[in-house]
């Protein structure tokens, strides 16, 4: 049986394409952090997330703020949220206040 150069080049192109697709798929999967992968066990996801957080961010998650009665704007806290200094807000009366 004789394999022509044309057939060999088609096989080579096919293998190269398959390899490229496999590498792209692996890269796409690697871009999703483990803590965001719902197929992973909770313990693995928590460990991954904690390993990514700084000590200041971990401490910030223990910090809670309470919305005062009639408070309509949480804008003053936005920089603290963005820096990981506030973990949660209690007593939010409506989604509009939270947004």
PDB file of N, CA and C in Angstrom:
ATOM      1  N   UNK A   1       0.843  -1.180   0.000  1.00  0.00           N
ATOM      2  CA  UNK A   1       0.000   0.000   0.000  1.00  0.00           C
ATOM      3  C   UNK A   1       0.887   1.241   0.000  1.00  0.00           C
ATOM      4  N   UNK A   2       0.615   2.150  -0.872  1.00  0.00           N
ATOM      5  CA  UNK A   2       1.432   3.346  -1.034  1.00  0.00           C
ATOM      6  C   UNK A   2       0.631   4.559  -0.562  1.00  0.00           C
ATOM      7  N   UNK A   3       1.222   5.334   0.317  1.00  0.00           N
ATOM      8  CA  UNK A   3       0.560   6.541   0.818  1.00  0.00           C
ATOM      9  C   UNK A   3       1.156   7.729   0.079  1.00  0.00           C
ATOM     10  N   UNK A   4       0.330   8.496  -0.523  1.00  0.00           N
ATOM     11  CA  UNK A   4       0.826   9.642  -1.291  1.00  0.00           C
ATOM     12  C   UNK A   4       1.201  10.793  -0.362  1.00  0.00           C
ATOM     13  N   UNK A   5       2.004  11.683  -0.890  1.00  0.00           N
ATOM     14  CA  UNK A   5       2.408  12.873  -0.142  1.00  0.00           C
ATOM     15  C   UNK A   5       1.189  13.716   0.200  1.00  0.00           C
ATOM     16  N   UNK A   6       0.229  13.776  -0.715  1.00  0.00           N
ATOM     17  CA  UNK A   6      -0.995  14.538  -0.474  1.00  0.00           C
ATOM     18  C   UNK A   6      -1.752  13.972   0.721  1.00  0.00           C
ATOM     19  N   UNK A   7      -1.866  12.654   0.815  1.00  0.00           N
ATOM     20  CA  UNK A   7      -2.549  12.029   1.952  1.00  0.00           C
ATOM     21  C   UNK A   7      -1.793  12.280   3.249  1.00  0.00           C
ATOM     22  N   UNK A   8      -0.463  12.214   3.196  1.00  0.00           N
ATOM     23  CA  UNK A   8       0.334  12.481   4.403  1.00  0.00           C
ATOM     24  C   UNK A   8       0.147  13.924   4.862  1.00  0.00           C
ATOM     25  N   UNK A   9       0.097  14.843   3.943  1.00  0.00           N
ATOM     26  CA  UNK A   9      -0.080  16.236   4.337  1.00  0.00           C
ATOM     27  C   UNK A   9      -1.474  16.464   4.917  1.00  0.00           C
ATOM     28  N   UNK A  10      -2.464  15.775   4.390  1.00  0.00           N
ATOM     29  CA  UNK A  10      -3.822  15.887   4.953  1.00  0.00           C
ATOM     30  C   UNK A  10      -3.861  15.345   6.377  1.00  0.00           C
ATOM     31  N   UNK A  11      -3.184  14.220   6.578  1.00  0.00           N
ATOM     32  CA  UNK A  11      -3.119  13.637   7.922  1.00  0.00           C
ATOM     33  C   UNK A  11      -2.408  14.598   8.870  1.00  0.00           C
ATOM     34  N   UNK A  12      -1.307  15.192   8.408  1.00  0.00           N
ATOM     35  CA  UNK A  12      -0.553  16.128   9.238  1.00  0.00           C
ATOM     36  C   UNK A  12      -1.393  17.348   9.608  1.00  0.00           C
ATOM     37  N   UNK A  13      -2.116  17.884   8.626  1.00  0.00           N
ATOM     38  CA  UNK A  13      -2.981  19.037   8.889  1.00  0.00           C
ATOM     39  C   UNK A  13      -4.084  18.648   9.866  1.00  0.00           C
ATOM     40  N   UNK A  14      -4.656  17.480   9.674  1.00  0.00           N
ATOM     41  CA  UNK A  14      -5.710  17.007  10.585  1.00  0.00           C
ATOM     42  C   UNK A  14      -5.208  16.848  12.007  1.00  0.00           C
ATOM     43  N   UNK A  15      -4.018  16.271  12.173  1.00  0.00           N
ATOM     44  CA  UNK A  15      -3.438  16.102  13.506  1.00  0.00           C
ATOM     45  C   UNK A  15      -3.108  17.451  14.134  1.00  0.00           C
ATOM     46  N   UNK A  16      -2.566  18.355  13.340  1.00  0.00           N
ATOM     47  CA  UNK A  16      -2.243  19.688  13.851  1.00  0.00           C
ATOM     48  C   UNK A  16      -3.505  20.420  14.299  1.00  0.00           C
ATOM     49  N   UNK A  17      -4.567  20.293  13.522  1.00  0.00           N
ATOM     50  CA  UNK A  17      -5.838  20.926  13.880  1.00  0.00           C
ATOM     51  C   UNK A  17      -6.406  20.330  15.161  1.00  0.00           C
ATOM     52  N   UNK A  18      -6.376  19.016  15.269  1.00  0.00           N
ATOM     53  CA  UNK A  18      -6.887  18.347  16.472  1.00  0.00           C
ATOM     54  C   UNK A  18      -6.080  18.766  17.690  1.00  0.00           C
ATOM     55  N   UNK A  19      -4.762  18.847  17.544  1.00  0.00           N
ATOM     56  CA  UNK A  19      -3.902  19.263  18.649  1.00  0.00           C
ATOM     57  C   UNK A  19      -4.217  20.697  19.059  1.00  0.00           C
ATOM     58  N   UNK A  20      -4.387  21.571  18.080  1.00  0.00           N
ATOM     59  CA  UNK A  20      -4.696  22.968  18.351  1.00  0.00           C
ATOM     60  C   UNK A  20      -6.015  23.107  19.098  1.00  0.00           C
ATOM     61  N   UNK A  21      -7.015  22.346  18.687  1.00  0.00           N
ATOM     62  CA  UNK A  21      -8.324  22.384  19.353  1.00  0.00           C
ATOM     63  C   UNK A  21      -8.195  21.884  20.787  1.00  0.00           C
ATOM     64  N   UNK A  22      -7.439  20.818  20.993  1.00  0.00           N
ATOM     65  CA  UNK A  22      -7.262  20.264  22.342  1.00  0.00           C
ATOM     66  C   UNK A  22      -6.560  21.263  23.245  1.00  0.00           C
ATOM     67  N   UNK A  23      -5.526  21.924  22.737  1.00  0.00           N
ATOM     68  CA  UNK A  23      -4.791  22.914  23.539  1.00  0.00           C
ATOM     69  C   UNK A  23      -5.685  24.097  23.861  1.00  0.00           C
ATOM     70  N   UNK A  24      -6.487  24.559  22.886  1.00  0.00           N
ATOM     71  CA  UNK A  24      -7.402  25.674  23.117  1.00  0.00           C
ATOM     72  C   UNK A  24      -8.442  25.326  24.174  1.00  0.00           C
ATOM     73  N   UNK A  25      -8.971  24.114  24.104  1.00  0.00           N
ATOM     74  CA  UNK A  25      -9.974  23.678  25.089  1.00  0.00           C
ATOM     75  C   UNK A  25      -9.364  23.609  26.471  1.00  0.00           C
ATOM     76  N   UNK A  26      -8.138  23.111  26.564  1.00  0.00           N
ATOM     77  CA  UNK A  26      -7.467  23.023  27.858  1.00  0.00           C
ATOM     78  C   UNK A  26      -7.201  24.419  28.415  1.00  0.00           C
ATOM     79  N   UNK A  27      -6.798  25.347  27.564  1.00  0.00           N
ATOM     80  CA  UNK A  27      -6.553  26.721  27.999  1.00  0.00           C
ATOM     81  C   UNK A  27      -7.830  27.371  28.496  1.00  0.00           C
ATOM     82  N   UNK A  28      -8.934  27.134  27.786  1.00  0.00           N
ATOM     83  CA  UNK A  28     -10.216  27.710  28.197  1.00  0.00           C
ATOM     84  C   UNK A  28     -10.635  27.175  29.553  1.00  0.00           C
ATOM     85  N   UNK A  29     -10.425  25.897  29.783  1.00  0.00           N
ATOM     86  CA  UNK A  29     -10.767  25.315  31.085  1.00  0.00           C
ATOM     87  C   UNK A  29      -9.877  25.862  32.180  1.00  0.00           C
ATOM     88  N   UNK A  30      -8.611  26.089  31.879  1.00  0.00           N
ATOM     89  CA  UNK A  30      -7.671  26.579  32.873  1.00  0.00           C
ATOM     90  C   UNK A  30      -7.987  28.018  33.277  1.00  0.00           C
ATOM     91  N   UNK A  31      -8.672  28.779  32.422  1.00  0.00           N
ATOM     92  CA  UNK A  31      -8.990  30.163  32.727  1.00  0.00           C
ATOM     93  C   UNK A  31     -10.076  30.292  33.786  1.00  0.00           C
ATOM     94  N   UNK A  32     -10.893  29.275  33.977  1.00  0.00           N
ATOM     95  CA  UNK A  32     -11.947  29.312  34.987  1.00  0.00           C
ATOM     96  C   UNK A  32     -11.330  28.922  36.327  1.00  0.00           C
ATOM     97  N   UNK A  33     -11.329  29.838  37.293  1.00  0.00           N
ATOM     98  CA  UNK A  33     -10.761  29.482  38.592  1.00  0.00           C
ATOM     99  C   UNK A  33     -11.505  28.297  39.218  1.00  0.00           C
ATOM    100  N   UNK A  34     -10.794  27.487  39.951  1.00  0.00           N
ATOM    101  CA  UNK A  34     -11.388  26.306  40.585  1.00  0.00           C
ATOM    102  C   UNK A  34     -12.555  26.710  41.485  1.00  0.00           C
ATOM    103  N   UNK A  35     -12.439  27.835  42.185  1.00  0.00           N
ATOM    104  CA  UNK A  35     -13.508  28.223  43.112  1.00  0.00           C
ATOM    105  C   UNK A  35     -14.808  28.572  42.393  1.00  0.00           C
ATOM    106  N   UNK A  36     -14.755  28.809  41.090  1.00  0.00           N
ATOM    107  CA  UNK A  36     -15.964  29.094  40.322  1.00  0.00           C
ATOM    108  C   UNK A  36     -16.500  27.873  39.578  1.00  0.00           C
ATOM    109  N   UNK A  37     -15.861  26.736  39.763  1.00  0.00           N
ATOM    110  CA  UNK A  37     -16.251  25.511  39.059  1.00  0.00           C
ATOM    111  C   UNK A  37     -17.202  24.693  39.922  1.00  0.00           C
ATOM    112  N   UNK A  38     -18.518  24.703  39.608  1.00  0.00           N
ATOM    113  CA  UNK A  38     -19.488  24.006  40.450  1.00  0.00           C
ATOM    114  C   UNK A  38     -19.321  22.492  40.473  1.00  0.00           C
ATOM    115  N   UNK A  39     -18.528  21.947  39.559  1.00  0.00           N
ATOM    116  CA  UNK A  39     -18.320  20.496  39.561  1.00  0.00           C
ATOM    117  C   UNK A  39     -17.290  20.071  40.610  1.00  0.00           C
ATOM    118  N   UNK A  40     -16.565  21.029  41.164  1.00  0.00           N
ATOM    119  CA  UNK A  40     -15.556  20.721  42.182  1.00  0.00           C
ATOM    120  C   UNK A  40     -16.207  20.634  43.567  1.00  0.00           C
ATOM    121  N   UNK A  41     -15.657  19.813  44.454  1.00  0.00           N
ATOM    122  CA  UNK A  41     -16.191  19.744  45.824  1.00  0.00           C
ATOM    123  C   UNK A  41     -16.042  21.098  46.534  1.00  0.00           C
ATOM    124  N   UNK A  42     -16.958  21.384  47.434  1.00  0.00           N
ATOM    125  CA  UNK A  42     -16.955  22.655  48.151  1.00  0.00           C
ATOM    126  C   UNK A  42     -15.617  22.888  48.847  1.00  0.00           C
ATOM    127  N   UNK A  43     -15.069  21.862  49.479  1.00  0.00           N
ATOM    128  CA  UNK A  43     -13.815  22.013  50.210  1.00  0.00           C
ATOM    129  C   UNK A  43     -12.686  22.465  49.281  1.00  0.00           C
ATOM    130  N   UNK A  44     -12.656  21.937  48.064  1.00  0.00           N
ATOM    131  CA  UNK A  44     -11.624  22.295  47.091  1.00  0.00           C
ATOM    132  C   UNK A  44     -11.828  23.732  46.626  1.00  0.00           C
ATOM    133  N   UNK A  45     -13.085  24.109  46.391  1.00  0.00           N
ATOM    134  CA  UNK A  45     -13.380  25.472  45.941  1.00  0.00           C
ATOM    135  C   UNK A  45     -13.029  26.498  47.010  1.00  0.00           C
ATOM    136  N   UNK A  46     -13.361  26.194  48.262  1.00  0.00           N
ATOM    137  CA  UNK A  46     -13.053  27.114  49.355  1.00  0.00           C
ATOM    138  C   UNK A  46     -11.544  27.263  49.509  1.00  0.00           C
ATOM    139  N   UNK A  47     -10.824  26.156  49.477  1.00  0.00           N
ATOM    140  CA  UNK A  47      -9.368  26.204  49.612  1.00  0.00           C
ATOM    141  C   UNK A  47      -8.746  27.028  48.489  1.00  0.00           C
ATOM    142  N   UNK A  48      -9.259  26.881  47.267  1.00  0.00           N
ATOM    143  CA  UNK A  48      -8.735  27.648  46.139  1.00  0.00           C
ATOM    144  C   UNK A  48      -8.989  29.137  46.331  1.00  0.00           C
ATOM    145  N   UNK A  49     -10.215  29.489  46.722  1.00  0.00           N
ATOM    146  CA  UNK A  49     -10.538  30.901  46.913  1.00  0.00           C
ATOM    147  C   UNK A  49      -9.685  31.511  48.026  1.00  0.00           C
ATOM    148  N   UNK A  50      -9.581  30.829  49.146  1.00  0.00           N
ATOM    149  CA  UNK A  50      -8.788  31.354  50.257  1.00  0.00           C
ATOM    150  C   UNK A  50      -7.322  31.515  49.886  1.00  0.00           C
ATOM    151  N   UNK A  51      -6.819  30.619  49.054  1.00  0.00           N
ATOM    152  CA  UNK A  51      -5.415  30.726  48.644  1.00  0.00           C
ATOM    153  C   UNK A  51      -5.166  31.940  47.759  1.00  0.00           C
ATOM    154  N   UNK A  52      -6.206  32.456  47.132  1.00  0.00           N
ATOM    155  CA  UNK A  52      -6.083  33.626  46.251  1.00  0.00           C
ATOM    156  C   UNK A  52      -6.243  34.947  47.001  1.00  0.00           C
ATOM    157  N   UNK A  53      -6.802  34.881  48.200  1.00  0.00           N
ATOM    158  CA  UNK A  53      -7.093  36.096  48.956  1.00  0.00           C
ATOM    159  C   UNK A  53      -5.896  36.528  49.789  1.00  0.00           C
ATOM    160  N   UNK A  54      -5.726  37.861  49.903  1.00  0.00           N
ATOM    161  CA  UNK A  54      -4.695  38.399  50.789  1.00  0.00           C
ATOM    162  C   UNK A  54      -5.216  38.345  52.229  1.00  0.00           C
ATOM    163  N   UNK A  55      -4.333  38.533  53.177  1.00  0.00           N
ATOM    164  CA  UNK A  55      -4.751  38.561  54.577  1.00  0.00           C
ATOM    165  C   UNK A  55      -5.739  39.701  54.812  1.00  0.00           C
ATOM    166  N   UNK A  56      -5.479  40.866  54.212  1.00  0.00           N
ATOM    167  CA  UNK A  56      -6.395  41.999  54.366  1.00  0.00           C
ATOM    168  C   UNK A  56      -7.786  41.678  53.826  1.00  0.00           C
ATOM    169  N   UNK A  57      -7.875  40.963  52.705  1.00  0.00           N
ATOM    170  CA  UNK A  57      -9.177  40.586  52.144  1.00  0.00           C
ATOM    171  C   UNK A  57      -9.896  39.602  53.059  1.00  0.00           C
ATOM    172  N   UNK A  58      -9.155  38.678  53.653  1.00  0.00           N
ATOM    173  CA  UNK A  58      -9.771  37.715  54.577  1.00  0.00           C
ATOM    174  C   UNK A  58     -10.311  38.432  55.811  1.00  0.00           C
ATOM    175  N   UNK A  59      -9.542  39.365  56.317  1.00  0.00           N
ATOM    176  CA  UNK A  59      -9.995  40.144  57.480  1.00  0.00           C
ATOM    177  C   UNK A  59     -11.215  40.985  57.088  1.00  0.00           C
ATOM    178  N   UNK A  60     -11.190  41.570  55.894  1.00  0.00           N
ATOM    179  CA  UNK A  60     -12.310  42.387  55.421  1.00  0.00           C
ATOM    180  C   UNK A  60     -13.607  41.611  55.354  1.00  0.00           C
ATOM    181  N   UNK A  61     -13.539  40.316  55.057  1.00  0.00           N
ATOM    182  CA  UNK A  61     -14.749  39.503  54.969  1.00  0.00           C
ATOM    183  C   UNK A  61     -15.430  39.333  56.326  1.00  0.00           C
ATOM    184  N   UNK A  62     -14.719  39.573  57.390  1.00  0.00           N
ATOM    185  CA  UNK A  62     -15.336  39.477  58.717  1.00  0.00           C
ATOM    186  C   UNK A  62     -15.974  40.801  59.128  1.00  0.00           C
ATOM    187  N   UNK A  63     -15.807  41.846  58.333  1.00  0.00           N
ATOM    188  CA  UNK A  63     -16.318  43.175  58.630  1.00  0.00           C
ATOM    189  C   UNK A  63     -17.710  43.336  58.046  1.00  0.00           C
ATOM    190  N   UNK A  64     -18.699  43.608  58.902  1.00  0.00           N
ATOM    191  CA  UNK A  64     -20.075  43.833  58.455  1.00  0.00           C
ATOM    192  C   UNK A  64     -20.465  45.275  58.719  1.00  0.00           C
ATOM    193  N   UNK A  65     -21.274  45.801  57.844  1.00  0.00           N
ATOM    194  CA  UNK A  65     -21.855  47.134  58.034  1.00  0.00           C
ATOM    195  C   UNK A  65     -23.358  46.974  58.167  1.00  0.00           C
ATOM    196  N   UNK A  66     -23.959  47.866  58.906  1.00  0.00           N
ATOM    197  CA  UNK A  66     -25.406  47.855  59.068  1.00  0.00           C
ATOM    198  C   UNK A  66     -25.970  49.145  58.491  1.00  0.00           C
ATOM    199  N   UNK A  67     -26.986  49.007  57.654  1.00  0.00           N
ATOM    200  CA  UNK A  67     -27.623  50.161  57.047  1.00  0.00           C
ATOM    201  C   UNK A  67     -28.480  50.860  58.095  1.00  0.00           C
ATOM    202  N   UNK A  68     -28.312  52.168  58.208  1.00  0.00           N
ATOM    203  CA  UNK A  68     -29.112  52.948  59.140  1.00  0.00           C
ATOM    204  C   UNK A  68     -30.521  53.133  58.581  1.00  0.00           C
ATOM    205  N   UNK A  69     -31.487  53.303  59.466  1.00  0.00           N
ATOM    206  CA  UNK A  69     -32.870  53.513  59.046  1.00  0.00           C
ATOM    207  C   UNK A  69     -32.935  54.738  58.144  1.00  0.00           C
ATOM    208  N   UNK A  70     -33.549  54.568  56.981  1.00  0.00           N
ATOM    209  CA  UNK A  70     -33.705  55.672  56.041  1.00  0.00           C
ATOM    210  C   UNK A  70     -32.503  55.908  55.146  1.00  0.00           C
ATOM    211  N   UNK A  71     -31.445  55.145  55.336  1.00  0.00           N
ATOM    212  CA  UNK A  71     -30.247  55.322  54.509  1.00  0.00           C
ATOM    213  C   UNK A  71     -30.569  54.916  53.072  1.00  0.00           C
ATOM    214  N   UNK A  72     -30.324  55.780  52.118  1.00  0.00           N
ATOM    215  CA  UNK A  72     -30.671  55.518  50.724  1.00  0.00           C
ATOM    216  C   UNK A  72     -29.461  55.362  49.812  1.00  0.00           C
ATOM    217  N   UNK A  73     -28.253  55.610  50.303  1.00  0.00           N
ATOM    218  CA  UNK A  73     -27.080  55.566  49.438  1.00  0.00           C
ATOM    219  C   UNK A  73     -25.922  54.874  50.156  1.00  0.00           C
ATOM    220  N   UNK A  74     -25.425  53.828  49.532  1.00  0.00           N
ATOM    221  CA  UNK A  74     -24.265  53.117  50.090  1.00  0.00           C
ATOM    222  C   UNK A  74     -22.987  53.500  49.359  1.00  0.00           C
ATOM    223  N   UNK A  75     -23.065  54.547  48.547  1.00  0.00           N
ATOM    224  CA  UNK A  75     -21.942  54.961  47.718  1.00  0.00           C
ATOM    225  C   UNK A  75     -20.653  55.214  48.476  1.00  0.00           C
ATOM    226  N   UNK A  76     -20.765  55.704  49.692  1.00  0.00           N
ATOM    227  CA  UNK A  76     -19.570  55.962  50.486  1.00  0.00           C
ATOM    228  C   UNK A  76     -18.803  54.699  50.835  1.00  0.00           C
ATOM    229  N   UNK A  77     -19.469  53.564  50.760  1.00  0.00           N
ATOM    230  CA  UNK A  77     -18.819  52.291  51.096  1.00  0.00           C
ATOM    231  C   UNK A  77     -18.224  51.577  49.882  1.00  0.00           C
ATOM    232  N   UNK A  78     -18.538  52.061  48.678  1.00  0.00           N
ATOM    233  CA  UNK A  78     -18.085  51.364  47.473  1.00  0.00           C
ATOM    234  C   UNK A  78     -16.569  51.156  47.442  1.00  0.00           C
ATOM    235  N   UNK A  79     -15.752  52.167  47.731  1.00  0.00           N
ATOM    236  CA  UNK A  79     -14.301  51.924  47.714  1.00  0.00           C
ATOM    237  C   UNK A  79     -13.877  50.832  48.705  1.00  0.00           C
ATOM    238  N   UNK A  80     -14.540  50.778  49.853  1.00  0.00           N
ATOM    239  CA  UNK A  80     -14.210  49.740  50.835  1.00  0.00           C
ATOM    240  C   UNK A  80     -14.586  48.349  50.326  1.00  0.00           C
ATOM    241  N   UNK A  81     -15.719  48.244  49.635  1.00  0.00           N
ATOM    242  CA  UNK A  81     -16.108  46.961  49.022  1.00  0.00           C
ATOM    243  C   UNK A  81     -15.078  46.545  47.983  1.00  0.00           C
ATOM    244  N   UNK A  82     -14.721  47.483  47.124  1.00  0.00           N
ATOM    245  CA  UNK A  82     -13.782  47.181  46.041  1.00  0.00           C
ATOM    246  C   UNK A  82     -12.417  46.761  46.565  1.00  0.00           C
ATOM    247  N   UNK A  83     -12.038  47.255  47.725  1.00  0.00           N
ATOM    248  CA  UNK A  83     -10.747  46.908  48.318  1.00  0.00           C
ATOM    249  C   UNK A  83     -10.842  45.686  49.231  1.00  0.00           C
ATOM    250  N   UNK A  84     -12.037  45.092  49.318  1.00  0.00           N
ATOM    251  CA  UNK A  84     -12.209  43.899  50.143  1.00  0.00           C
ATOM    252  C   UNK A  84     -12.235  44.179  51.632  1.00  0.00           C
ATOM    253  N   UNK A  85     -12.580  45.414  52.013  1.00  0.00           N
ATOM    254  CA  UNK A  85     -12.580  45.779  53.427  1.00  0.00           C
ATOM    255  C   UNK A  85     -13.931  45.574  54.099  1.00  0.00           C
ATOM    256  N   UNK A  86     -14.975  45.317  53.316  1.00  0.00           N
ATOM    257  CA  UNK A  86     -16.304  45.048  53.859  1.00  0.00           C
ATOM    258  C   UNK A  86     -16.775  43.718  53.282  1.00  0.00           C
ATOM    259  N   UNK A  87     -17.227  42.817  54.159  1.00  0.00           N
ATOM    260  CA  UNK A  87     -17.678  41.507  53.715  1.00  0.00           C
ATOM    261  C   UNK A  87     -19.159  41.421  53.434  1.00  0.00           C
ATOM    262  N   UNK A  88     -19.971  42.194  54.183  1.00  0.00           N
ATOM    263  CA  UNK A  88     -21.412  42.127  53.970  1.00  0.00           C
ATOM    264  C   UNK A  88     -22.099  43.330  54.588  1.00  0.00           C
ATOM    265  N   UNK A  89     -23.362  43.518  54.186  1.00  0.00           N
ATOM    266  CA  UNK A  89     -24.191  44.594  54.738  1.00  0.00           C
ATOM    267  C   UNK A  89     -25.441  43.968  55.324  1.00  0.00           C
ATOM    268  N   UNK A  90     -25.797  44.393  56.507  1.00  0.00           N
ATOM    269  CA  UNK A  90     -27.021  43.922  57.163  1.00  0.00           C
ATOM    270  C   UNK A  90     -28.099  44.990  57.046  1.00  0.00           C
ATOM    271  N   UNK A  91     -29.335  44.561  57.159  1.00  0.00           N
ATOM    272  CA  UNK A  91     -30.496  45.446  57.239  1.00  0.00           C
ATOM    273  C   UNK A  91     -30.757  46.264  55.980  1.00  0.00           C
ATOM    274  N   UNK A  92     -30.410  45.744  54.820  1.00  0.00           N
ATOM    275  CA  UNK A  92     -30.733  46.428  53.575  1.00  0.00           C
ATOM    276  C   UNK A  92     -32.224  46.230  53.320  1.00  0.00           C
ATOM    277  N   UNK A  93     -32.949  47.336  53.151  1.00  0.00           N
ATOM    278  CA  UNK A  93     -34.412  47.253  53.055  1.00  0.00           C
ATOM    279  C   UNK A  93     -34.910  46.991  51.648  1.00  0.00           C
ATOM    280  N   UNK A  94     -34.105  47.257  50.623  1.00  0.00           N
ATOM    281  CA  UNK A  94     -34.585  47.060  49.263  1.00  0.00           C
ATOM    282  C   UNK A  94     -33.408  46.864  48.302  1.00  0.00           C
ATOM    283  N   UNK A  95     -33.649  46.215  47.172  1.00  0.00           N
ATOM    284  CA  UNK A  95     -32.579  46.046  46.181  1.00  0.00           C
ATOM    285  C   UNK A  95     -32.057  47.389  45.658  1.00  0.00           C
ATOM    286  N   UNK A  96     -32.930  48.385  45.601  1.00  0.00           N
ATOM    287  CA  UNK A  96     -32.496  49.691  45.101  1.00  0.00           C
ATOM    288  C   UNK A  96     -31.405  50.284  45.985  1.00  0.00           C
ATOM    289  N   UNK A  97     -31.515  50.102  47.286  1.00  0.00           N
ATOM    290  CA  UNK A  97     -30.493  50.616  48.198  1.00  0.00           C
ATOM    291  C   UNK A  97     -29.182  49.861  47.991  1.00  0.00           C
ATOM    292  N   UNK A  98     -29.275  48.571  47.784  1.00  0.00           N
ATOM    293  CA  UNK A  98     -28.068  47.743  47.616  1.00  0.00           C
ATOM    294  C   UNK A  98     -27.359  48.045  46.295  1.00  0.00           C
ATOM    295  N   UNK A  99     -28.110  48.379  45.263  1.00  0.00           N
ATOM    296  CA  UNK A  99     -27.497  48.675  43.968  1.00  0.00           C
ATOM    297  C   UNK A  99     -26.899  50.033  43.995  1.00  0.00           C
TER     298      UNK A  99
END
